[in-house]
Amino acid sequence: MRDKTTHGGFPKTLAVALVEAVMLIIAYSGLVHEYAHNVNMQEWVRANVSLGGYLLNYQAVFVVTGTLLGAVVFQLRFGRQAPD
């Protein structure tokens, strides 16, 4: 069974997953921004979550965004293609 496609030619499920991922990255970026500017949050994370400081920095946002971008490009380029 084939995925229904949008007018552009790629599957709707991929489009929905991409929109969801972008929304999650925006939320994650907002959390990182809040962490960077809130001293009380930084102290709480240091005291209660050992790896939180590593996950709540801008480099981690760039890694996640790059991974997502690479996965999307890989799916669009090498994903399942309908037989001709």
C-alpha atoms as a PDB file:
ATOM      1  CA  MET A   1       0.000   0.000   0.000  1.00  0.00           C
ATOM      2  CA  ARG A   2       1.467   3.318  -1.009  1.00  0.00           C
ATOM      3  CA  ASP A   3       1.478   6.403   1.191  1.00  0.00           C
ATOM      4  CA  LYS A   4      -0.748   9.148  -0.072  1.00  0.00           C
ATOM      5  CA  THR A   5       1.397  11.914  -1.459  1.00  0.00           C
ATOM      6  CA  THR A   6       1.135  15.650  -1.330  1.00  0.00           C
ATOM      7  CA  HIS A   7       1.095  17.691  -4.504  1.00  0.00           C
ATOM      8  CA  GLY A   8       4.904  18.025  -4.326  1.00  0.00           C
ATOM      9  CA  GLY A   9       5.455  14.284  -4.546  1.00  0.00           C
ATOM     10  CA  PHE A  10       6.629  13.147  -1.120  1.00  0.00           C
ATOM     11  CA  PRO A  11       4.494  11.199   1.356  1.00  0.00           C
ATOM     12  CA  LYS A  12       2.125  12.982   3.706  1.00  0.00           C
ATOM     13  CA  THR A  13       3.460  10.952   6.619  1.00  0.00           C
ATOM     14  CA  LEU A  14       6.944  12.345   5.985  1.00  0.00           C
ATOM     15  CA  ALA A  15       5.522  15.862   5.785  1.00  0.00           C
ATOM     16  CA  VAL A  16       3.665  15.408   9.085  1.00  0.00           C
ATOM     17  CA  ALA A  17       6.766  13.948  10.758  1.00  0.00           C
ATOM     18  CA  LEU A  18       8.869  16.850   9.482  1.00  0.00           C
ATOM     19  CA  VAL A  19       6.423  19.451  10.810  1.00  0.00           C
ATOM     20  CA  GLU A  20       6.300  17.660  14.172  1.00  0.00           C
ATOM     21  CA  ALA A  21      10.095  17.510  14.368  1.00  0.00           C
ATOM     22  CA  VAL A  22      10.424  21.217  13.537  1.00  0.00           C
ATOM     23  CA  MET A  23       7.917  22.071  16.277  1.00  0.00           C
ATOM     24  CA  LEU A  24       9.840  19.941  18.788  1.00  0.00           C
ATOM     25  CA  ILE A  25      13.141  21.595  17.820  1.00  0.00           C
ATOM     26  CA  ILE A  26      11.563  25.022  18.294  1.00  0.00           C
ATOM     27  CA  ALA A  27      10.339  23.985  21.761  1.00  0.00           C
ATOM     28  CA  TYR A  28      13.764  22.509  22.592  1.00  0.00           C
ATOM     29  CA  SER A  29      15.475  25.708  21.433  1.00  0.00           C
ATOM     30  CA  GLY A  30      13.159  27.721  23.663  1.00  0.00           C
ATOM     31  CA  LEU A  31      14.028  25.511  26.629  1.00  0.00           C
ATOM     32  CA  VAL A  32      17.750  25.937  25.915  1.00  0.00           C
ATOM     33  CA  HIS A  33      17.302  29.709  25.635  1.00  0.00           C
ATOM     34  CA  GLU A  34      15.462  29.793  28.966  1.00  0.00           C
ATOM     35  CA  TYR A  35      18.178  27.659  30.589  1.00  0.00           C
ATOM     36  CA  ALA A  36      20.909  29.961  29.286  1.00  0.00           C
ATOM     37  CA  HIS A  37      19.241  33.035  30.801  1.00  0.00           C
ATOM     38  CA  ASN A  38      17.815  31.657  34.058  1.00  0.00           C
ATOM     39  CA  VAL A  39      20.343  31.245  36.879  1.00  0.00           C
ATOM     40  CA  ASN A  40      17.849  29.481  39.164  1.00  0.00           C
ATOM     41  CA  MET A  41      17.120  26.888  36.474  1.00  0.00           C
ATOM     42  CA  GLN A  42      20.854  26.346  35.911  1.00  0.00           C
ATOM     43  CA  GLU A  43      21.420  25.752  39.628  1.00  0.00           C
ATOM     44  CA  TRP A  44      18.486  23.332  39.838  1.00  0.00           C
ATOM     45  CA  VAL A  45      19.661  21.375  36.791  1.00  0.00           C
ATOM     46  CA  ARG A  46      23.219  21.168  38.134  1.00  0.00           C
ATOM     47  CA  ALA A  47      21.913  19.875  41.473  1.00  0.00           C
ATOM     48  CA  ASN A  48      19.338  17.392  40.154  1.00  0.00           C
ATOM     49  CA  VAL A  49      20.180  16.322  36.592  1.00  0.00           C
ATOM     50  CA  SER A  50      23.795  15.365  36.052  1.00  0.00           C
ATOM     51  CA  LEU A  51      23.785  15.476  32.213  1.00  0.00           C
ATOM     52  CA  GLY A  52      21.312  18.355  31.936  1.00  0.00           C
ATOM     53  CA  GLY A  53      23.993  20.962  31.346  1.00  0.00           C
ATOM     54  CA  TYR A  54      25.258  19.044  28.331  1.00  0.00           C
ATOM     55  CA  LEU A  55      21.802  18.618  26.842  1.00  0.00           C
ATOM     56  CA  LEU A  56      20.677  22.187  27.475  1.00  0.00           C
ATOM     57  CA  ASN A  57      23.179  24.099  25.378  1.00  0.00           C
ATOM     58  CA  TYR A  58      23.119  25.488  21.876  1.00  0.00           C
ATOM     59  CA  GLN A  59      25.614  22.958  20.517  1.00  0.00           C
ATOM     60  CA  ALA A  60      23.174  20.157  21.384  1.00  0.00           C
ATOM     61  CA  VAL A  61      20.440  22.035  19.496  1.00  0.00           C
ATOM     62  CA  PHE A  62      22.707  22.231  16.443  1.00  0.00           C
ATOM     63  CA  VAL A  63      23.514  18.507  16.671  1.00  0.00           C
ATOM     64  CA  VAL A  64      19.823  17.587  16.886  1.00  0.00           C
ATOM     65  CA  THR A  65      18.917  19.941  14.031  1.00  0.00           C
ATOM     66  CA  GLY A  66      21.749  18.610  11.858  1.00  0.00           C
ATOM     67  CA  THR A  67      20.738  15.028  12.561  1.00  0.00           C
ATOM     68  CA  LEU A  68      17.140  15.801  11.638  1.00  0.00           C
ATOM     69  CA  LEU A  69      18.207  17.581   8.464  1.00  0.00           C
ATOM     70  CA  GLY A  70      20.430  14.655   7.497  1.00  0.00           C
ATOM     71  CA  ALA A  71      17.628  12.170   8.143  1.00  0.00           C
ATOM     72  CA  VAL A  72      15.191  14.181   6.010  1.00  0.00           C
ATOM     73  CA  VAL A  73      17.662  14.489   3.145  1.00  0.00           C
ATOM     74  CA  PHE A  74      18.411  10.768   3.374  1.00  0.00           C
ATOM     75  CA  GLN A  75      14.676   9.929   3.336  1.00  0.00           C
ATOM     76  CA  LEU A  76      13.993  12.184   0.382  1.00  0.00           C
ATOM     77  CA  ARG A  77      17.002  10.942  -1.564  1.00  0.00           C
ATOM     78  CA  PHE A  78      17.167   7.251  -0.695  1.00  0.00           C
ATOM     79  CA  GLY A  79      13.801   6.495   0.903  1.00  0.00           C
ATOM     80  CA  ARG A  80      11.309   4.041  -0.485  1.00  0.00           C
ATOM     81  CA  GLN A  81      10.469   4.895  -4.032  1.00  0.00           C
ATOM     82  CA  ALA A  82       7.452   3.643  -5.912  1.00  0.00           C
ATOM     83  CA  PRO A  83       8.304   1.275  -8.756  1.00  0.00           C
ATOM     84  CA  ASP A  84       8.122   2.846 -12.192  1.00  0.00           C
END
